[in-house]
């Protein structure tokens, strides 16, 4: 299987896709150990001199789960409790020996990633149409 960042895909999923994913996941075999619960994450940046400073805080949701004795952890930005749990469950499953389930999830996530990328491309093309060509606006 190709490398796929399931976290990135889950974070960008819409609600319908997330619901379909949660229906695929074997939630009856998942024990939620902690969460989903809110937290704050400090966001650091570097100034123009290379010195670290605190840019601010971001609201996150995190969850810890166990699937067949394997632990998984999920952390997502904003109030996305279900996504935090989904990421944690996926992490545990992808660490497991459940090859058939992993293949099924990989196919689902790959299709969703493609849909997300197509949506971005469509949006990018719409935005590109509004780009102003300042060079053509010069009065001669």
N, C-alpha and C. Protein backbone atom coordinates (compact mmCIF):
# COMPACT_ATOMS: atom_id res chain seq x y z
N UNK A 1 0.84 -1.19 0.00
CA UNK A 1 0.00 0.00 0.00
C UNK A 1 0.87 1.25 0.00
N UNK A 2 0.41 2.25 -0.73
CA UNK A 2 1.09 3.54 -0.74
C UNK A 2 0.93 4.23 0.60
N UNK A 3 1.80 5.15 0.85
CA UNK A 3 1.70 5.94 2.08
C UNK A 3 0.52 6.90 1.97
N UNK A 4 -0.29 6.94 2.99
CA UNK A 4 -1.46 7.81 3.01
C UNK A 4 -1.56 8.43 4.39
N UNK A 5 -1.61 9.75 4.46
CA UNK A 5 -1.75 10.42 5.75
C UNK A 5 -3.23 10.47 6.10
N UNK A 6 -3.68 9.44 6.82
CA UNK A 6 -5.11 9.35 7.15
C UNK A 6 -5.55 10.51 8.02
N UNK A 7 -4.67 11.06 8.82
CA UNK A 7 -5.04 12.19 9.69
C UNK A 7 -5.47 13.39 8.84
N UNK A 8 -4.68 13.67 7.83
CA UNK A 8 -4.97 14.81 6.95
C UNK A 8 -6.32 14.61 6.24
N UNK A 9 -6.59 13.39 5.80
CA UNK A 9 -7.83 13.12 5.09
C UNK A 9 -9.02 13.28 6.03
N UNK A 10 -8.93 12.71 7.23
CA UNK A 10 -10.04 12.79 8.19
C UNK A 10 -10.34 14.23 8.56
N UNK A 11 -9.31 15.00 8.81
CA UNK A 11 -9.48 16.40 9.21
C UNK A 11 -10.22 17.19 8.14
N UNK A 12 -10.02 16.85 6.87
CA UNK A 12 -10.62 17.61 5.78
C UNK A 12 -11.95 17.04 5.30
N UNK A 13 -12.37 15.92 5.86
CA UNK A 13 -13.63 15.29 5.44
C UNK A 13 -14.84 16.13 5.80
N UNK A 14 -15.88 16.01 4.97
CA UNK A 14 -17.15 16.62 5.34
C UNK A 14 -17.91 15.67 6.27
N UNK A 15 -19.03 16.13 6.79
CA UNK A 15 -19.79 15.34 7.77
C UNK A 15 -20.31 14.02 7.21
N UNK A 16 -20.73 14.03 5.94
CA UNK A 16 -21.25 12.79 5.34
C UNK A 16 -20.16 11.73 5.23
N UNK A 17 -18.98 12.15 4.77
CA UNK A 17 -17.87 11.21 4.64
C UNK A 17 -17.44 10.69 6.00
N UNK A 18 -17.43 11.57 7.00
CA UNK A 18 -17.06 11.15 8.35
C UNK A 18 -18.05 10.11 8.88
N UNK A 19 -19.33 10.32 8.62
CA UNK A 19 -20.35 9.36 9.07
C UNK A 19 -20.13 8.00 8.40
N UNK A 20 -19.82 8.01 7.09
CA UNK A 20 -19.54 6.74 6.39
C UNK A 20 -18.31 6.06 6.98
N UNK A 21 -17.28 6.85 7.30
CA UNK A 21 -16.07 6.29 7.91
C UNK A 21 -16.39 5.65 9.25
N UNK A 22 -17.15 6.36 10.08
CA UNK A 22 -17.49 5.82 11.41
C UNK A 22 -18.30 4.54 11.30
N UNK A 23 -19.07 4.40 10.23
CA UNK A 23 -19.82 3.16 10.02
C UNK A 23 -18.91 2.00 9.62
N UNK A 24 -17.79 2.29 9.00
CA UNK A 24 -16.83 1.25 8.61
C UNK A 24 -16.00 0.80 9.81
N UNK A 25 -15.67 1.74 10.68
CA UNK A 25 -14.80 1.43 11.82
C UNK A 25 -15.51 0.48 12.79
N UNK A 26 -14.79 -0.51 13.30
CA UNK A 26 -15.38 -1.48 14.25
C UNK A 26 -15.48 -0.89 15.66
N UNK A 27 -16.36 0.10 15.82
CA UNK A 27 -16.45 0.85 17.07
C UNK A 27 -16.84 -0.04 18.27
N UNK A 28 -17.53 -1.16 18.01
CA UNK A 28 -17.92 -2.06 19.11
C UNK A 28 -16.70 -2.71 19.75
N UNK A 29 -15.57 -2.73 19.03
CA UNK A 29 -14.34 -3.32 19.55
C UNK A 29 -13.38 -2.26 20.08
N UNK A 30 -13.81 -1.02 20.08
CA UNK A 30 -12.96 0.10 20.50
C UNK A 30 -13.33 0.53 21.91
N UNK A 31 -12.32 0.66 22.73
CA UNK A 31 -12.51 1.17 24.09
C UNK A 31 -11.94 2.59 24.12
N UNK A 32 -12.81 3.56 24.42
CA UNK A 32 -12.34 4.94 24.54
C UNK A 32 -11.72 5.11 25.92
N UNK A 33 -10.42 5.36 25.93
CA UNK A 33 -9.70 5.49 27.20
C UNK A 33 -9.76 6.90 27.77
N UNK A 34 -9.77 7.89 26.85
CA UNK A 34 -9.81 9.28 27.30
C UNK A 34 -10.38 10.13 26.18
N UNK A 35 -11.32 10.95 26.55
CA UNK A 35 -11.86 11.91 25.60
C UNK A 35 -13.07 11.39 24.87
N UNK A 36 -13.48 12.04 23.82
CA UNK A 36 -12.82 13.24 23.29
C UNK A 36 -13.01 14.42 24.24
N UNK A 37 -11.95 15.15 24.39
CA UNK A 37 -12.00 16.28 25.31
C UNK A 37 -11.27 17.47 24.72
N UNK A 38 -11.73 18.67 25.09
CA UNK A 38 -11.09 19.88 24.55
C UNK A 38 -9.77 20.17 25.24
N UNK A 39 -8.95 20.91 24.55
CA UNK A 39 -7.69 21.35 25.11
C UNK A 39 -7.20 22.57 24.34
N UNK A 40 -6.11 23.12 24.81
CA UNK A 40 -5.49 24.25 24.12
C UNK A 40 -4.09 23.86 23.70
N UNK A 41 -3.74 24.30 22.52
CA UNK A 41 -2.41 24.02 22.00
C UNK A 41 -1.74 25.36 21.74
N UNK A 42 -0.55 25.53 22.30
CA UNK A 42 0.20 26.76 22.11
C UNK A 42 0.82 26.74 20.71
N UNK A 43 0.60 27.80 19.97
CA UNK A 43 1.16 27.90 18.62
C UNK A 43 2.36 28.83 18.67
N UNK A 44 3.50 28.28 18.30
CA UNK A 44 4.73 29.06 18.31
C UNK A 44 5.13 29.41 16.89
N UNK A 45 5.83 30.52 16.76
CA UNK A 45 6.34 30.96 15.47
C UNK A 45 7.70 31.61 15.70
N UNK A 46 8.39 31.89 14.61
CA UNK A 46 9.67 32.59 14.71
C UNK A 46 9.50 33.98 14.10
N UNK A 47 10.08 34.96 14.75
CA UNK A 47 10.02 36.31 14.19
C UNK A 47 11.10 36.44 13.11
N UNK A 48 11.23 37.62 12.55
CA UNK A 48 12.18 37.83 11.45
C UNK A 48 13.63 37.67 11.88
N UNK A 49 13.89 37.64 13.19
CA UNK A 49 15.25 37.46 13.71
C UNK A 49 15.51 36.01 14.11
N UNK A 50 14.50 35.13 13.89
CA UNK A 50 14.66 33.71 14.23
C UNK A 50 14.37 33.39 15.68
N UNK A 51 13.77 34.34 16.40
CA UNK A 51 13.45 34.14 17.81
C UNK A 51 12.03 33.59 17.94
N UNK A 52 11.88 32.52 18.73
CA UNK A 52 10.56 31.93 18.95
C UNK A 52 9.67 32.89 19.76
N UNK A 53 8.41 32.93 19.40
CA UNK A 53 7.43 33.66 20.21
C UNK A 53 6.10 32.94 20.14
N UNK A 54 5.24 33.24 21.10
CA UNK A 54 3.92 32.61 21.17
C UNK A 54 2.96 33.38 20.28
N UNK A 55 2.48 32.72 19.23
CA UNK A 55 1.54 33.33 18.31
C UNK A 55 0.14 33.36 18.90
N UNK A 56 -0.15 32.38 19.75
CA UNK A 56 -1.46 32.30 20.38
C UNK A 56 -1.79 30.87 20.73
N UNK A 57 -3.05 30.65 21.08
CA UNK A 57 -3.51 29.32 21.43
C UNK A 57 -4.59 28.89 20.44
N UNK A 58 -4.68 27.58 20.24
CA UNK A 58 -5.70 27.02 19.36
C UNK A 58 -6.50 25.98 20.15
N UNK A 59 -7.81 25.98 19.93
CA UNK A 59 -8.66 24.97 20.53
C UNK A 59 -8.49 23.66 19.78
N UNK A 60 -8.26 22.58 20.51
CA UNK A 60 -8.12 21.26 19.90
C UNK A 60 -9.02 20.28 20.65
N UNK A 61 -9.29 19.15 20.01
CA UNK A 61 -9.95 18.03 20.67
C UNK A 61 -9.04 16.84 20.53
N UNK A 62 -8.91 16.07 21.61
CA UNK A 62 -8.07 14.90 21.58
C UNK A 62 -8.79 13.70 22.18
N UNK A 63 -8.37 12.52 21.73
CA UNK A 63 -8.97 11.29 22.21
C UNK A 63 -7.91 10.19 22.22
N UNK A 64 -8.04 9.29 23.18
CA UNK A 64 -7.20 8.10 23.26
C UNK A 64 -8.11 6.90 23.26
N UNK A 65 -7.78 5.91 22.44
CA UNK A 65 -8.59 4.70 22.35
C UNK A 65 -7.70 3.47 22.41
N UNK A 66 -8.38 2.33 22.57
CA UNK A 66 -7.68 1.05 22.50
C UNK A 66 -8.49 0.13 21.60
N UNK A 67 -7.80 -0.49 20.66
CA UNK A 67 -8.44 -1.44 19.74
C UNK A 67 -7.64 -2.74 19.79
N UNK A 68 -8.25 -3.76 20.35
CA UNK A 68 -7.61 -5.08 20.47
C UNK A 68 -6.24 -4.98 21.13
N UNK A 69 -6.17 -4.18 22.19
CA UNK A 69 -4.93 -4.04 22.95
C UNK A 69 -3.94 -3.04 22.37
N UNK A 70 -4.29 -2.41 21.27
CA UNK A 70 -3.39 -1.44 20.62
C UNK A 70 -3.95 -0.05 20.83
N UNK A 71 -3.09 0.85 21.30
CA UNK A 71 -3.53 2.21 21.60
C UNK A 71 -3.44 3.11 20.39
N UNK A 72 -4.37 4.06 20.33
CA UNK A 72 -4.37 5.06 19.28
C UNK A 72 -4.66 6.42 19.89
N UNK A 73 -4.11 7.46 19.29
CA UNK A 73 -4.29 8.82 19.79
C UNK A 73 -4.69 9.72 18.63
N UNK A 74 -5.66 10.58 18.87
CA UNK A 74 -6.09 11.53 17.86
C UNK A 74 -6.16 12.93 18.42
N UNK A 75 -5.67 13.90 17.66
CA UNK A 75 -5.72 15.30 18.04
C UNK A 75 -6.10 16.08 16.79
N UNK A 76 -7.17 16.86 16.89
CA UNK A 76 -7.61 17.67 15.75
C UNK A 76 -7.88 19.10 16.21
N UNK A 77 -7.72 20.00 15.29
CA UNK A 77 -7.95 21.42 15.54
C UNK A 77 -9.45 21.69 15.57
N UNK A 78 -9.89 22.52 16.45
CA UNK A 78 -11.28 22.99 16.57
C UNK A 78 -12.17 21.94 17.24
N UNK A 79 -13.46 22.24 17.24
CA UNK A 79 -14.42 21.38 17.93
C UNK A 79 -14.86 20.25 17.01
N UNK A 80 -14.02 19.27 16.86
CA UNK A 80 -14.26 18.14 15.98
C UNK A 80 -14.09 16.85 16.78
N UNK A 81 -14.98 16.63 17.75
CA UNK A 81 -14.85 15.48 18.65
C UNK A 81 -14.83 14.15 17.90
N UNK A 82 -15.76 13.97 16.96
CA UNK A 82 -15.83 12.70 16.23
C UNK A 82 -14.58 12.46 15.40
N UNK A 83 -14.03 13.52 14.85
CA UNK A 83 -12.81 13.37 14.06
C UNK A 83 -11.63 12.96 14.95
N UNK A 84 -11.57 13.49 16.17
CA UNK A 84 -10.50 13.10 17.09
C UNK A 84 -10.58 11.61 17.40
N UNK A 85 -11.79 11.11 17.62
CA UNK A 85 -11.97 9.69 17.90
C UNK A 85 -11.62 8.87 16.66
N UNK A 86 -12.08 9.31 15.49
CA UNK A 86 -11.80 8.59 14.25
C UNK A 86 -10.30 8.48 14.00
N UNK A 87 -9.58 9.57 14.20
CA UNK A 87 -8.12 9.56 14.01
C UNK A 87 -7.47 8.58 14.98
N UNK A 88 -7.91 8.59 16.23
CA UNK A 88 -7.34 7.68 17.23
C UNK A 88 -7.61 6.22 16.86
N UNK A 89 -8.83 5.92 16.43
CA UNK A 89 -9.17 4.55 16.06
C UNK A 89 -8.37 4.12 14.83
N UNK A 90 -8.27 4.99 13.85
CA UNK A 90 -7.48 4.67 12.64
C UNK A 90 -6.02 4.41 13.00
N UNK A 91 -5.46 5.21 13.89
CA UNK A 91 -4.07 5.00 14.28
C UNK A 91 -3.90 3.61 14.89
N UNK A 92 -4.81 3.22 15.76
CA UNK A 92 -4.73 1.90 16.39
C UNK A 92 -4.89 0.79 15.35
N UNK A 93 -5.85 0.94 14.45
CA UNK A 93 -6.08 -0.09 13.43
C UNK A 93 -4.87 -0.22 12.51
N UNK A 94 -4.30 0.91 12.08
CA UNK A 94 -3.16 0.84 11.17
C UNK A 94 -1.90 0.29 11.86
N UNK A 95 -1.87 0.25 13.19
CA UNK A 95 -0.79 -0.40 13.92
C UNK A 95 -1.05 -1.90 14.09
N UNK A 96 -2.28 -2.33 13.86
CA UNK A 96 -2.68 -3.72 14.10
C UNK A 96 -2.31 -4.64 12.93
N UNK A 97 -2.66 -5.92 13.09
CA UNK A 97 -2.43 -6.92 12.05
C UNK A 97 -3.67 -7.15 11.21
N UNK A 98 -4.66 -6.30 11.31
CA UNK A 98 -5.93 -6.46 10.60
C UNK A 98 -5.79 -6.03 9.13
N UNK A 99 -5.14 -6.85 8.32
CA UNK A 99 -4.83 -6.48 6.94
C UNK A 99 -6.07 -6.20 6.10
N UNK A 100 -7.11 -7.02 6.21
CA UNK A 100 -8.32 -6.80 5.40
C UNK A 100 -8.99 -5.48 5.76
N UNK A 101 -9.09 -5.20 7.05
CA UNK A 101 -9.69 -3.95 7.49
C UNK A 101 -8.83 -2.77 7.05
N UNK A 102 -7.52 -2.91 7.16
CA UNK A 102 -6.63 -1.82 6.73
C UNK A 102 -6.78 -1.54 5.24
N UNK A 103 -6.90 -2.59 4.43
CA UNK A 103 -7.08 -2.39 2.98
C UNK A 103 -8.40 -1.69 2.68
N UNK A 104 -9.46 -2.11 3.39
CA UNK A 104 -10.78 -1.49 3.20
C UNK A 104 -10.74 -0.01 3.55
N UNK A 105 -10.12 0.30 4.69
CA UNK A 105 -10.00 1.69 5.13
C UNK A 105 -9.11 2.49 4.18
N UNK A 106 -8.04 1.87 3.72
CA UNK A 106 -7.14 2.55 2.79
C UNK A 106 -7.88 2.93 1.50
N UNK A 107 -8.69 2.00 0.97
CA UNK A 107 -9.46 2.30 -0.24
C UNK A 107 -10.43 3.45 0.00
N UNK A 108 -11.14 3.39 1.13
CA UNK A 108 -12.10 4.45 1.46
C UNK A 108 -11.39 5.80 1.58
N UNK A 109 -10.30 5.83 2.35
CA UNK A 109 -9.58 7.08 2.58
C UNK A 109 -8.94 7.62 1.30
N UNK A 110 -8.47 6.73 0.44
CA UNK A 110 -7.89 7.16 -0.84
C UNK A 110 -8.94 7.82 -1.71
N UNK A 111 -10.14 7.24 -1.76
CA UNK A 111 -11.23 7.84 -2.54
C UNK A 111 -11.61 9.21 -1.98
N UNK A 112 -11.68 9.30 -0.66
CA UNK A 112 -12.01 10.58 -0.03
C UNK A 112 -10.93 11.62 -0.30
N UNK A 113 -9.68 11.20 -0.25
CA UNK A 113 -8.58 12.13 -0.53
C UNK A 113 -8.71 12.66 -1.96
N UNK A 114 -9.03 11.78 -2.90
CA UNK A 114 -9.19 12.19 -4.28
C UNK A 114 -10.34 13.19 -4.42
N UNK A 115 -11.46 12.94 -3.74
CA UNK A 115 -12.60 13.87 -3.77
C UNK A 115 -12.20 15.23 -3.21
N UNK A 116 -11.47 15.22 -2.12
CA UNK A 116 -11.02 16.47 -1.49
C UNK A 116 -10.11 17.24 -2.44
N UNK A 117 -9.17 16.54 -3.06
CA UNK A 117 -8.25 17.19 -4.00
C UNK A 117 -8.98 17.75 -5.21
N UNK A 118 -9.97 17.01 -5.71
CA UNK A 118 -10.77 17.51 -6.85
C UNK A 118 -11.55 18.76 -6.45
N UNK A 119 -12.07 18.77 -5.25
CA UNK A 119 -12.80 19.93 -4.76
C UNK A 119 -11.88 21.14 -4.66
N UNK A 120 -10.67 20.93 -4.14
CA UNK A 120 -9.69 22.01 -4.05
C UNK A 120 -9.34 22.55 -5.42
N UNK A 121 -9.14 21.64 -6.38
CA UNK A 121 -8.78 22.05 -7.74
C UNK A 121 -9.89 22.87 -8.36
N UNK A 122 -11.13 22.44 -8.16
CA UNK A 122 -12.28 23.18 -8.67
C UNK A 122 -12.31 24.59 -8.07
N UNK A 123 -12.09 24.66 -6.76
CA UNK A 123 -12.08 25.96 -6.08
C UNK A 123 -10.91 26.82 -6.56
N UNK A 124 -9.75 26.19 -6.75
CA UNK A 124 -8.58 26.93 -7.22
C UNK A 124 -8.85 27.55 -8.59
N UNK A 125 -9.51 26.78 -9.46
CA UNK A 125 -9.83 27.29 -10.80
C UNK A 125 -10.81 28.45 -10.74
N UNK A 126 -11.78 28.36 -9.83
CA UNK A 126 -12.74 29.46 -9.68
C UNK A 126 -12.03 30.72 -9.17
N UNK A 127 -11.13 30.55 -8.23
CA UNK A 127 -10.39 31.69 -7.69
C UNK A 127 -9.48 32.28 -8.76
N UNK A 128 -8.85 31.43 -9.56
CA UNK A 128 -7.93 31.89 -10.60
C UNK A 128 -8.64 32.80 -11.60
N UNK A 129 -9.93 32.55 -11.83
CA UNK A 129 -10.69 33.38 -12.77
C UNK A 129 -10.84 34.82 -12.27
N UNK A 130 -10.73 35.01 -10.96
CA UNK A 130 -10.90 36.35 -10.39
C UNK A 130 -9.59 37.10 -10.25
N UNK A 131 -8.49 36.45 -10.61
CA UNK A 131 -7.18 37.07 -10.46
C UNK A 131 -7.07 38.28 -11.39
N UNK A 132 -6.63 39.38 -10.85
CA UNK A 132 -6.49 40.61 -11.63
C UNK A 132 -5.10 40.64 -12.27
N UNK A 133 -5.07 40.94 -13.54
CA UNK A 133 -3.80 41.08 -14.26
C UNK A 133 -3.46 42.57 -14.28
N UNK A 134 -2.72 43.02 -13.30
CA UNK A 134 -2.42 44.44 -13.17
C UNK A 134 -1.62 44.98 -14.36
N UNK A 135 -0.84 44.12 -14.99
CA UNK A 135 -0.04 44.57 -16.13
C UNK A 135 -0.94 45.04 -17.27
N UNK A 136 -2.09 44.46 -17.42
CA UNK A 136 -3.01 44.82 -18.51
C UNK A 136 -3.84 46.06 -18.18
N UNK A 137 -3.75 46.52 -16.96
CA UNK A 137 -4.54 47.68 -16.54
C UNK A 137 -3.79 49.00 -16.73
N UNK A 138 -2.55 48.91 -17.16
CA UNK A 138 -1.72 50.11 -17.33
C UNK A 138 -2.22 50.90 -18.52
N UNK A 139 -2.42 52.20 -18.32
CA UNK A 139 -2.86 53.09 -19.38
C UNK A 139 -1.67 53.46 -20.25
N UNK A 140 -1.84 53.31 -21.54
CA UNK A 140 -0.70 53.60 -22.45
C UNK A 140 -0.95 54.81 -23.27
